[in-house]
Amino acid sequence: MLFRHSLVYFIAKGVPGIISFCSIYLYTRLLLPEQYGTFSIVLATAGLLNSIMFQWIRVSLLRFFPQFKEERHQLLSTTFTAFCSMAAVTGVIFWAMSVLNKAPVGGSAYYLLAFFVTISTAWFELNLEVLRAQLSPKVYGFISLSKAVLTLLISVSLIKLELGAVSLMLGLILGNIFPVLFISKRAWGTVKKHNFNTEILLQSLRYGLPLTATFTLTFVMYSSSRFLLSYLGDHTHTATGIYSVTYDFAQNTLILLMMIINVAAYPIILRALENDGEEAAKEKIKESVVLLLLVAVPATVGLIALASNIVAVLFGSQYRTVARDILPWIAVVGFLQGFKVYYIDLAFQLGKCTKKQIWPVLISAGINIALNWLLIPKQGIMGAVYSSIIAYVISISISFIMSRKVFKLPFPFVDGMKIMLSAIFMYLVIIPFSNQSGIFMLLLQVSIGAVGYGIAIFFFNTGNSRSKLISSIKQKRVYHKRSSNSV
């Protein structure tokens, strides 16, 4: 079941990911680095408020959806009411920012744009969580794909009208709104005022607020480099634009792959925990970690080995020189980020002890900001990259130590070692071709690496892959033999 759901979610998220590649290819050719930097600052501001105001609603809905089977209407009504309340508060915050004249970038128009980016993104993500909780991967995929296509088409059309960074903001807003119109009635049709439940709200707050603090601090780790590059750097957002587009590329590849596994696995793990107990949940966790490493480790190694050609093919000329140097390091940052969020943090969530999850992120976020402040003036973009790596290593170390006292997560050491050896073999296979450039050579490099990695995985029987494949072939042969005999 886990593999099947992961495959469906891979298609659901993978195709939009491919469209994101197209977005990077086009945006880095149609926009100057400072224009993309302006967009990234607005997006980071919206993302920060999204985490503070709405993250607790999403995680609580997903966590309690299997539990409140009989009170499902009350859960959805309470969730919708909470969302509307937080949207109103968010509007007040942006109004206060405009009164105080503290715009993230540009003039007063950016307040309104940042507000709509925040609300539309939060609403879109909440609808996705409903579909995820309902185990509806096909609809989830359709909505995700629709957003990716609409955002790209609208943004590029507006760029042609010379709207610059505003084009990306309007494209994102409309891309968030239109797809969920098709599922709003199905998802929220039972929402009624009298179904609001104070106890469900309080339970959601108790569970979600500590996670909100964690997600917010995690976002600070993720986005503080962008703000500080603009503040401490050249003030034109050029460095921020190059750093952001490279980081966004890693998000749309490595983090996307890891998120797909988590999106598929987490509801299944929760159901196993609720229905069959802790040991059953740990078996599901072990399966998910094997899948997580199976895709994340080779993806990281591939980004490191092929960084030069990836940047040459996908990035515009004004971004390439710096992006080529920082992509391998950002790939490491992405792996550390995904491993912490999609594996180690499970312990706090499953153990219902999300308060303890705050401290590792708080410490590492503080260290990240301090290191950024110290290193960016001296080393520029590389200072931001080094700060992120150090901060995530510290965060993972503290989180791992604390998580052992909450919920002991299993780790597949044998399969993990097999995956590492397979990734090393893949690296050795593709490194002789790594200096070649061009789109066809990139496709060849990826194909050679994938075949080499697959052979190694099969040889080591990682995750019983060889045994399962042989068993599947035998079953098909028996089935075909019986079918032919019956005829």
Protein backbone atom coordinates (compact mmCIF):
# COMPACT_ATOMS: atom_id res chain seq x y z
CA MET A 1 0.00 0.00 0.00
CA LEU A 2 2.80 2.42 0.92
CA PHE A 3 4.68 1.83 -2.33
CA ARG A 4 1.46 2.19 -4.38
CA HIS A 5 0.51 5.46 -2.69
CA SER A 6 4.08 6.73 -3.03
CA LEU A 7 3.97 5.96 -6.75
CA VAL A 8 0.69 7.84 -7.20
CA TYR A 9 1.96 10.81 -5.20
CA PHE A 10 5.21 10.67 -7.18
CA ILE A 11 3.19 11.25 -10.34
CA ALA A 12 1.02 13.81 -8.53
CA LYS A 13 4.01 15.82 -7.35
CA GLY A 14 6.58 14.74 -9.92
CA VAL A 15 4.81 16.18 -12.95
CA PRO A 16 4.39 19.60 -11.26
CA GLY A 17 8.07 19.27 -10.34
CA ILE A 18 8.96 18.89 -14.02
CA ILE A 19 6.89 22.00 -14.73
CA SER A 20 8.90 23.75 -12.01
CA PHE A 21 12.05 22.89 -13.98
CA CYS A 22 10.47 24.64 -16.95
CA SER A 23 9.65 27.58 -14.69
CA ILE A 24 13.27 27.94 -13.60
CA TYR A 25 14.44 27.61 -17.20
CA LEU A 26 12.09 30.41 -18.30
CA TYR A 27 12.25 32.71 -15.28
CA THR A 28 16.07 32.81 -15.25
CA ARG A 29 16.00 33.85 -18.90
CA LEU A 30 13.11 36.32 -18.71
CA LEU A 31 13.85 37.97 -15.35
CA LEU A 32 16.95 39.66 -13.97
CA PRO A 33 18.41 38.19 -10.74
CA GLU A 34 17.28 41.27 -8.78
CA GLN A 35 13.69 40.80 -10.06
CA TYR A 36 13.64 37.17 -8.96
CA GLY A 37 15.21 38.32 -5.69
CA THR A 38 12.34 40.77 -5.15
CA PHE A 39 9.83 37.98 -5.72
CA SER A 40 11.68 35.65 -3.35
CA ILE A 41 11.64 38.26 -0.55
CA VAL A 42 7.87 38.74 -0.91
CA LEU A 43 7.42 34.96 -1.07
CA ALA A 44 9.55 34.49 2.04
CA THR A 45 7.49 37.11 3.92
CA ALA A 46 4.25 35.41 2.87
CA GLY A 47 5.67 32.01 3.75
CA LEU A 48 6.66 33.16 7.23
CA LEU A 49 3.16 34.45 7.97
CA ASN A 50 1.66 31.32 6.42
CA SER A 51 3.65 29.20 8.88
CA ILE A 52 2.75 31.34 11.88
CA MET A 53 -0.96 31.73 11.14
CA PHE A 54 -2.05 28.61 9.28
CA GLN A 55 0.37 25.73 9.80
CA TRP A 56 -1.26 24.63 13.07
CA ILE A 57 -4.61 24.32 11.28
CA ARG A 58 -3.21 22.05 8.57
CA VAL A 59 -1.22 19.73 10.82
CA SER A 60 -4.11 19.38 13.28
CA LEU A 61 -6.57 18.54 10.51
CA LEU A 62 -4.28 15.82 9.17
CA ARG A 63 -3.53 14.45 12.65
CA PHE A 64 -7.14 14.24 13.86
CA PHE A 65 -8.92 13.35 10.63
CA PRO A 66 -8.65 9.55 11.23
CA GLN A 67 -9.58 10.00 14.90
CA PHE A 68 -12.78 12.05 14.48
CA LYS A 69 -14.66 9.67 12.20
CA GLU A 70 -18.02 10.31 13.85
CA GLU A 71 -17.40 14.05 14.31
CA ARG A 72 -16.03 14.70 10.81
CA HIS A 73 -18.50 17.55 10.10
CA GLN A 74 -17.54 19.24 13.35
CA LEU A 75 -13.83 18.90 12.59
CA LEU A 76 -14.19 20.47 9.14
CA SER A 77 -16.46 23.27 10.40
CA THR A 78 -14.04 24.09 13.20
CA THR A 79 -11.11 24.02 10.77
CA PHE A 80 -12.86 26.36 8.33
CA THR A 81 -13.77 28.80 11.10
CA ALA A 82 -10.19 28.80 12.36
CA PHE A 83 -8.90 29.48 8.84
CA CYS A 84 -11.23 32.46 8.32
CA SER A 85 -10.24 33.90 11.71
CA MET A 86 -6.53 33.60 10.94
CA ALA A 87 -7.08 35.15 7.50
CA ALA A 88 -8.65 38.19 9.16
CA VAL A 89 -5.75 38.49 11.61
CA THR A 90 -3.28 38.21 8.72
CA GLY A 91 -5.06 41.08 6.97
CA VAL A 92 -4.69 43.23 10.09
CA ILE A 93 -0.97 42.42 10.25
CA PHE A 94 -0.39 43.51 6.65
CA TRP A 95 -2.47 46.64 7.26
CA ALA A 96 -0.32 47.45 10.31
CA MET A 97 2.83 46.92 8.25
CA SER A 98 1.54 49.35 5.64
CA VAL A 99 0.73 51.94 8.30
CA LEU A 100 4.21 51.57 9.79
CA ASN A 101 5.64 51.63 6.25
CA LYS A 102 7.63 48.42 6.74
CA ALA A 103 7.31 46.89 3.28
CA PRO A 104 9.38 43.77 2.63
CA VAL A 105 10.42 45.27 -0.73
CA GLY A 106 9.18 47.94 -3.10
CA GLY A 107 6.19 50.19 -2.50
CA SER A 108 2.79 49.85 -0.88
CA ALA A 109 1.41 47.59 -3.64
CA TYR A 110 3.57 44.78 -2.30
CA TYR A 111 1.58 44.69 0.95
CA LEU A 112 -1.58 43.77 -0.92
CA LEU A 113 0.22 41.28 -3.16
CA ALA A 114 1.98 39.64 -0.22
CA PHE A 115 -1.35 39.37 1.62
CA PHE A 116 -3.05 37.60 -1.29
CA VAL A 117 -0.03 35.34 -1.81
CA THR A 118 -0.25 34.35 1.87
CA ILE A 119 -4.00 33.69 1.96
CA SER A 120 -4.23 31.95 -1.40
CA THR A 121 -1.28 29.68 -0.60
CA ALA A 122 -2.67 28.82 2.83
CA TRP A 123 -6.10 27.98 1.37
CA PHE A 124 -4.59 25.87 -1.41
CA GLU A 125 -2.42 23.92 1.05
CA LEU A 126 -5.35 23.37 3.42
CA ASN A 127 -7.39 21.83 0.61
CA LEU A 128 -4.48 19.56 -0.26
CA GLU A 129 -4.33 18.39 3.35
CA VAL A 130 -8.03 17.47 3.21
CA LEU A 131 -7.37 15.36 0.12
CA ARG A 132 -4.32 13.83 1.74
CA ALA A 133 -6.27 12.92 4.89
CA GLN A 134 -8.97 11.35 2.71
CA LEU A 135 -6.27 9.29 0.92
CA SER A 136 -7.25 10.79 -2.45
CA PRO A 137 -3.92 10.88 -4.31
CA LYS A 138 -5.44 11.14 -7.80
CA VAL A 139 -7.43 14.30 -7.04
CA TYR A 140 -4.42 15.58 -5.10
CA GLY A 141 -2.33 15.10 -8.23
CA PHE A 142 -4.85 16.83 -10.49
CA ILE A 143 -5.01 19.88 -8.22
CA SER A 144 -1.22 20.08 -7.86
CA LEU A 145 -0.71 19.77 -11.61
CA SER A 146 -3.37 22.40 -12.34
CA LYS A 147 -1.69 24.87 -10.02
CA ALA A 148 1.75 24.31 -11.56
CA VAL A 149 0.49 24.74 -15.13
CA LEU A 150 -1.66 27.80 -14.40
CA THR A 151 1.04 29.52 -12.36
CA LEU A 152 3.61 29.08 -15.12
CA LEU A 153 1.31 30.14 -17.98
CA ILE A 154 -0.05 33.20 -16.19
CA SER A 155 3.38 34.28 -14.92
CA VAL A 156 5.08 34.01 -18.31
CA SER A 157 2.19 35.87 -19.99
CA LEU A 158 2.48 38.72 -17.50
CA ILE A 159 6.28 38.81 -17.79
CA LYS A 160 5.75 39.48 -21.51
CA LEU A 161 3.78 42.56 -20.41
CA GLU A 162 6.93 43.68 -18.55
CA LEU A 163 5.43 43.44 -15.07
CA GLY A 164 8.65 41.95 -13.68
CA ALA A 165 8.46 40.37 -10.22
CA VAL A 166 4.77 41.24 -9.95
CA SER A 167 4.12 38.72 -12.74
CA LEU A 168 5.25 35.83 -10.54
CA MET A 169 3.16 37.03 -7.61
CA LEU A 170 -0.04 37.35 -9.64
CA GLY A 171 0.64 34.02 -11.34
CA LEU A 172 1.03 32.31 -7.97
CA ILE A 173 -2.13 33.90 -6.55
CA LEU A 174 -4.31 32.86 -9.48
CA GLY A 175 -2.62 29.46 -9.67
CA ASN A 176 -3.57 28.86 -6.03
CA ILE A 177 -7.19 29.98 -6.37
CA PHE A 178 -8.58 28.43 -9.55
CA PRO A 179 -7.75 24.71 -9.04
CA VAL A 180 -9.39 24.43 -5.61
CA LEU A 181 -12.65 25.90 -6.90
CA PHE A 182 -13.41 22.45 -8.33
CA ILE A 183 -13.20 20.70 -4.94
CA SER A 184 -14.44 23.36 -2.53
CA LYS A 185 -18.02 22.09 -2.37
CA ARG A 186 -16.90 18.49 -1.92
CA ALA A 187 -14.39 19.38 0.79
CA TRP A 188 -16.32 22.05 2.68
CA GLY A 189 -19.97 21.47 1.73
CA THR A 190 -20.85 20.21 5.22
CA VAL A 191 -19.47 23.29 7.00
CA LYS A 192 -22.13 24.84 9.25
CA LYS A 193 -21.94 27.38 12.08
CA HIS A 194 -23.63 25.07 14.56
CA ASN A 195 -21.02 22.37 13.86
CA PHE A 196 -18.24 24.46 15.36
CA ASN A 197 -16.74 22.56 18.30
CA THR A 198 -14.73 24.40 20.95
CA GLU A 199 -13.18 21.20 22.31
CA ILE A 200 -11.87 20.24 18.85
CA LEU A 201 -10.43 23.75 18.48
CA LEU A 202 -8.66 23.54 21.84
CA GLN A 203 -7.32 20.09 21.02
CA SER A 204 -6.07 21.39 17.67
CA LEU A 205 -4.38 24.33 19.37
CA ARG A 206 -2.68 22.10 21.94
CA TYR A 207 -1.36 19.85 19.20
CA GLY A 208 -0.75 22.41 16.47
CA LEU A 209 0.70 25.47 18.21
CA PRO A 210 3.96 23.80 19.28
CA LEU A 211 4.31 22.53 15.72
CA THR A 212 3.58 26.04 14.45
CA ALA A 213 6.50 27.35 16.47
CA THR A 214 8.67 24.58 15.06
CA PHE A 215 7.60 25.15 11.47
CA THR A 216 8.03 28.90 11.86
CA LEU A 217 11.54 28.54 13.23
CA THR A 218 12.31 26.02 10.48
CA PHE A 219 11.10 28.56 7.96
CA VAL A 220 13.30 31.18 9.60
CA MET A 221 16.25 28.84 9.04
CA TYR A 222 15.16 28.40 5.44
CA SER A 223 14.43 32.05 4.63
CA SER A 224 16.63 34.16 6.91
CA SER A 225 19.52 33.85 4.46
CA ARG A 226 17.40 35.54 1.77
CA PHE A 227 16.51 38.49 3.98
CA LEU A 228 20.07 38.90 5.27
CA LEU A 229 21.63 38.58 1.81
CA SER A 230 19.49 41.55 0.77
CA TYR A 231 20.12 43.49 3.97
CA LEU A 232 23.84 42.79 4.37
CA GLY A 233 24.67 42.34 0.69
CA ASP A 234 24.29 44.63 -2.31
CA HIS A 235 20.72 45.80 -1.45
CA THR A 236 19.67 45.19 -5.08
CA HIS A 237 18.41 41.63 -4.37
CA THR A 238 20.78 40.25 -7.04
CA ALA A 239 22.58 37.86 -4.67
CA THR A 240 19.22 36.96 -3.14
CA GLY A 241 17.83 36.15 -6.58
CA ILE A 242 20.71 33.82 -7.50
CA TYR A 243 20.70 32.13 -4.09
CA SER A 244 16.91 31.77 -4.11
CA VAL A 245 16.60 30.29 -7.59
CA THR A 246 19.30 27.72 -6.80
CA TYR A 247 17.66 26.86 -3.49
CA ASP A 248 14.25 26.67 -5.19
CA PHE A 249 15.70 24.24 -7.73
CA ALA A 250 16.87 22.00 -4.88
CA GLN A 251 13.41 22.31 -3.30
CA ASN A 252 11.77 21.25 -6.57
CA THR A 253 13.99 18.18 -6.91
CA LEU A 254 15.45 16.76 -3.73
CA ILE A 255 12.97 18.09 -1.16
CA LEU A 256 10.09 17.33 -3.52
CA LEU A 257 11.12 13.67 -3.76
CA MET A 258 11.40 13.37 0.02
CA MET A 259 8.09 15.14 0.53
CA ILE A 260 6.35 12.71 -1.85
CA ILE A 261 7.38 9.77 0.34
CA ASN A 262 6.19 11.60 3.46
CA VAL A 263 2.90 12.68 1.90
CA ALA A 264 2.13 9.06 1.07
CA ALA A 265 3.55 7.47 4.22
CA TYR A 266 2.42 9.72 7.07
CA PRO A 267 -1.35 9.03 6.90
CA ILE A 268 -0.63 5.28 6.62
CA ILE A 269 1.70 5.43 9.64
CA LEU A 270 -0.97 7.32 11.61
CA ARG A 271 -3.65 4.76 10.77
CA ALA A 272 -1.33 1.92 11.76
CA LEU A 273 -0.62 3.66 15.09
CA GLU A 274 -4.30 4.35 15.79
CA ASN A 275 -5.63 0.94 14.70
CA ASP A 276 -2.81 -1.57 15.26
CA GLY A 277 -0.47 -0.06 17.82
CA GLU A 278 3.10 1.18 18.08
CA GLU A 279 4.91 -1.86 16.67
CA ALA A 280 2.80 -1.85 13.51
CA ALA A 281 3.51 1.87 13.09
CA LYS A 282 7.25 1.26 13.47
CA GLU A 283 7.16 -1.29 10.66
CA LYS A 284 5.52 1.32 8.42
CA ILE A 285 8.11 3.89 9.50
CA LYS A 286 10.91 1.51 8.56
CA GLU A 287 9.40 1.01 5.11
CA SER A 288 9.05 4.76 4.62
CA VAL A 289 12.64 5.46 5.68
CA VAL A 290 13.97 2.92 3.20
CA LEU A 291 11.94 4.60 0.44
CA LEU A 292 13.06 8.03 1.66
CA LEU A 293 16.74 7.11 1.46
CA LEU A 294 16.28 5.19 -1.80
CA VAL A 295 15.30 8.41 -3.57
CA ALA A 296 17.05 11.10 -1.50
CA VAL A 297 20.60 9.74 -1.38
CA PRO A 298 21.06 9.21 -5.15
CA ALA A 299 19.29 12.51 -5.87
CA THR A 300 21.75 14.34 -3.61
CA VAL A 301 24.75 12.58 -5.13
CA GLY A 302 23.44 13.28 -8.63
CA LEU A 303 23.03 17.01 -7.93
CA ILE A 304 26.59 17.15 -6.61
CA ALA A 305 28.12 15.21 -9.50
CA LEU A 306 26.19 16.92 -12.30
CA ALA A 307 25.89 20.45 -10.87
CA SER A 308 27.88 22.07 -13.67
CA ASN A 309 25.79 20.68 -16.52
CA ILE A 310 22.48 21.08 -14.64
CA VAL A 311 23.17 24.79 -14.20
CA ALA A 312 24.38 25.16 -17.80
CA VAL A 313 21.18 23.60 -19.16
CA LEU A 314 18.51 25.00 -16.84
CA PHE A 315 19.77 28.39 -15.63
CA GLY A 316 20.01 31.67 -17.51
CA SER A 317 23.45 33.13 -18.24
CA GLN A 318 23.26 35.77 -15.49
CA TYR A 319 22.73 33.10 -12.84
CA ARG A 320 25.16 30.38 -13.93
CA THR A 321 28.56 31.34 -12.55
CA VAL A 322 27.50 31.56 -8.91
CA ALA A 323 24.80 28.86 -9.10
CA ARG A 324 27.35 26.35 -10.40
CA ASP A 325 29.46 26.86 -7.26
CA ILE A 326 26.67 26.72 -4.69
CA LEU A 327 24.38 23.98 -6.06
CA PRO A 328 26.42 21.03 -4.63
CA TRP A 329 26.40 22.63 -1.19
CA ILE A 330 22.71 23.48 -1.36
CA ALA A 331 22.03 19.84 -2.30
CA VAL A 332 23.64 18.84 1.01
CA VAL A 333 21.52 21.44 2.84
CA GLY A 334 18.40 20.05 1.15
CA PHE A 335 19.19 16.48 2.19
CA LEU A 336 19.80 17.49 5.81
CA GLN A 337 16.60 19.55 5.86
CA GLY A 338 14.49 16.75 4.39
CA PHE A 339 15.99 14.06 6.63
CA LYS A 340 15.18 16.07 9.74
CA VAL A 341 11.67 17.11 8.72
CA TYR A 342 10.52 13.82 7.17
CA TYR A 343 12.22 11.35 9.51
CA ILE A 344 13.49 12.63 12.85
CA ASP A 345 10.57 15.00 13.50
CA LEU A 346 8.15 12.07 13.15
CA ALA A 347 9.09 11.04 16.69
CA PHE A 348 7.70 14.22 18.23
CA GLN A 349 4.53 14.12 16.14
CA LEU A 350 3.74 10.44 16.72
CA GLY A 351 4.61 10.73 20.39
CA LYS A 352 2.28 13.75 20.70
CA CYS A 353 5.10 15.71 22.31
CA THR A 354 5.50 18.49 19.81
CA LYS A 355 6.58 21.02 22.47
CA LYS A 356 10.01 19.40 22.68
CA GLN A 357 10.39 19.75 18.92
CA ILE A 358 10.72 23.51 19.34
CA TRP A 359 14.04 23.59 21.18
CA PRO A 360 16.35 22.07 18.56
CA VAL A 361 14.92 24.37 15.89
CA LEU A 362 15.07 27.43 18.16
CA ILE A 363 18.74 26.84 18.94
CA SER A 364 19.73 26.09 15.35
CA ALA A 365 17.68 29.02 13.96
CA GLY A 366 19.51 31.37 16.33
CA ILE A 367 22.86 29.90 15.29
CA ASN A 368 21.90 30.21 11.61
CA ILE A 369 21.01 33.90 11.94
CA ALA A 370 24.19 34.62 13.92
CA LEU A 371 26.38 32.81 11.39
CA ASN A 372 24.64 34.57 8.49
CA TRP A 373 25.27 37.92 10.16
CA LEU A 374 28.92 37.01 10.63
CA LEU A 375 29.71 35.24 7.34
CA ILE A 376 27.62 37.01 4.66
CA PRO A 377 29.58 40.31 4.85
CA LYS A 378 32.82 38.34 4.44
CA GLN A 379 31.88 35.52 2.05
CA GLY A 380 28.61 36.59 0.45
CA ILE A 381 26.39 33.77 -0.82
CA MET A 382 28.80 31.05 0.34
CA GLY A 383 28.52 32.46 3.85
CA ALA A 384 24.76 31.87 3.72
CA VAL A 385 25.30 28.31 2.45
CA TYR A 386 27.87 27.44 5.15
CA SER A 387 25.57 28.88 7.83
CA SER A 388 22.70 26.65 6.71
CA ILE A 389 24.81 23.47 6.69
CA ILE A 390 26.17 24.07 10.20
CA ALA A 391 22.72 24.98 11.54
CA TYR A 392 21.05 21.85 10.12
CA VAL A 393 23.78 19.54 11.45
CA ILE A 394 23.27 21.02 14.92
CA SER A 395 19.48 20.80 14.61
CA ILE A 396 19.59 17.14 13.54
CA SER A 397 21.96 16.22 16.37
CA ILE A 398 19.87 17.85 19.09
CA SER A 399 16.58 16.56 17.64
CA PHE A 400 17.87 13.00 17.44
CA ILE A 401 19.01 12.98 21.07
CA MET A 402 15.71 14.43 22.31
CA SER A 403 13.53 12.25 20.08
CA ARG A 404 14.83 9.02 21.65
CA LYS A 405 12.99 9.92 24.86
CA VAL A 406 9.70 10.56 23.06
CA PHE A 407 9.26 7.88 20.40
CA LYS A 408 12.10 5.59 19.37
CA LEU A 409 12.16 5.62 15.61
CA PRO A 410 13.49 2.51 13.89
CA PHE A 411 16.28 2.94 11.38
CA PRO A 412 17.16 0.39 8.67
CA PHE A 413 20.94 0.38 9.15
CA VAL A 414 21.61 -2.53 6.78
CA ASP A 415 19.48 -1.12 3.97
CA GLY A 416 20.89 2.34 4.67
CA MET A 417 24.43 1.06 4.14
CA LYS A 418 23.38 -0.71 0.94
CA ILE A 419 21.87 2.53 -0.35
CA MET A 420 25.05 4.46 0.44
CA LEU A 421 27.20 1.88 -1.39
CA SER A 422 24.81 1.95 -4.35
CA ALA A 423 24.99 5.76 -4.49
CA ILE A 424 28.81 5.64 -4.39
CA PHE A 425 28.76 3.17 -7.28
CA MET A 426 26.42 5.51 -9.17
CA TYR A 427 28.80 8.42 -8.58
CA LEU A 428 31.76 6.43 -9.90
CA VAL A 429 29.75 5.49 -12.99
CA ILE A 430 28.70 9.04 -13.93
CA ILE A 431 31.76 11.05 -12.85
CA PRO A 432 33.74 10.25 -16.06
CA PHE A 433 30.93 11.97 -18.03
CA SER A 434 30.39 14.88 -15.63
CA ASN A 435 32.49 17.41 -17.60
CA GLN A 436 30.33 17.04 -20.72
CA SER A 437 27.59 19.64 -21.23
CA GLY A 438 24.31 20.00 -23.09
CA ILE A 439 20.76 18.80 -22.61
CA PHE A 440 21.23 15.48 -24.40
CA MET A 441 24.38 14.78 -22.41
CA LEU A 442 22.49 15.62 -19.21
CA LEU A 443 19.78 13.11 -20.11
CA LEU A 444 22.49 10.54 -20.86
CA GLN A 445 24.27 11.27 -17.57
CA VAL A 446 21.04 10.87 -15.59
CA SER A 447 20.17 7.66 -17.47
CA ILE A 448 23.62 6.15 -16.87
CA GLY A 449 23.44 7.06 -13.20
CA ALA A 450 19.92 5.64 -12.81
CA VAL A 451 20.89 2.35 -14.47
CA GLY A 452 24.05 2.06 -12.39
CA TYR A 453 22.16 2.80 -9.18
CA GLY A 454 19.38 0.36 -10.09
CA ILE A 455 21.89 -2.43 -10.78
CA ALA A 456 23.58 -1.83 -7.42
CA ILE A 457 20.24 -1.77 -5.56
CA PHE A 458 19.26 -5.04 -7.25
CA PHE A 459 22.66 -6.60 -6.50
CA PHE A 460 22.49 -5.69 -2.80
CA ASN A 461 18.80 -6.68 -2.60
CA THR A 462 18.04 -3.37 -0.89
CA GLY A 463 14.65 -3.41 0.78
CA ASN A 464 14.21 -6.97 -0.53
CA SER A 465 13.84 -5.43 -4.01
CA ARG A 466 15.43 -8.37 -5.79
CA SER A 467 13.38 -10.90 -3.84
CA LYS A 468 10.15 -8.99 -4.49
CA LEU A 469 10.90 -8.66 -8.21
CA ILE A 470 11.69 -12.35 -8.61
CA SER A 471 8.58 -13.31 -6.63
CA SER A 472 6.44 -11.01 -8.79
CA ILE A 473 7.84 -12.53 -12.00
CA LYS A 474 7.16 -16.05 -10.72
CA GLN A 475 3.59 -15.15 -9.78
CA LYS A 476 2.95 -13.71 -13.25
CA ARG A 477 4.36 -16.83 -14.88
CA VAL A 478 2.11 -19.06 -12.76
CA TYR A 479 -0.89 -16.86 -13.58
CA HIS A 480 -0.19 -16.96 -17.34
CA LYS A 481 0.40 -20.72 -17.20
CA ARG A 482 -2.94 -21.29 -15.45
CA SER A 483 -4.69 -19.00 -17.91
CA SER A 484 -3.27 -20.88 -20.91
CA ASN A 485 -4.17 -24.27 -19.38
CA SER A 486 -7.74 -23.18 -18.71
CA VAL A 487 -8.08 -22.20 -22.36
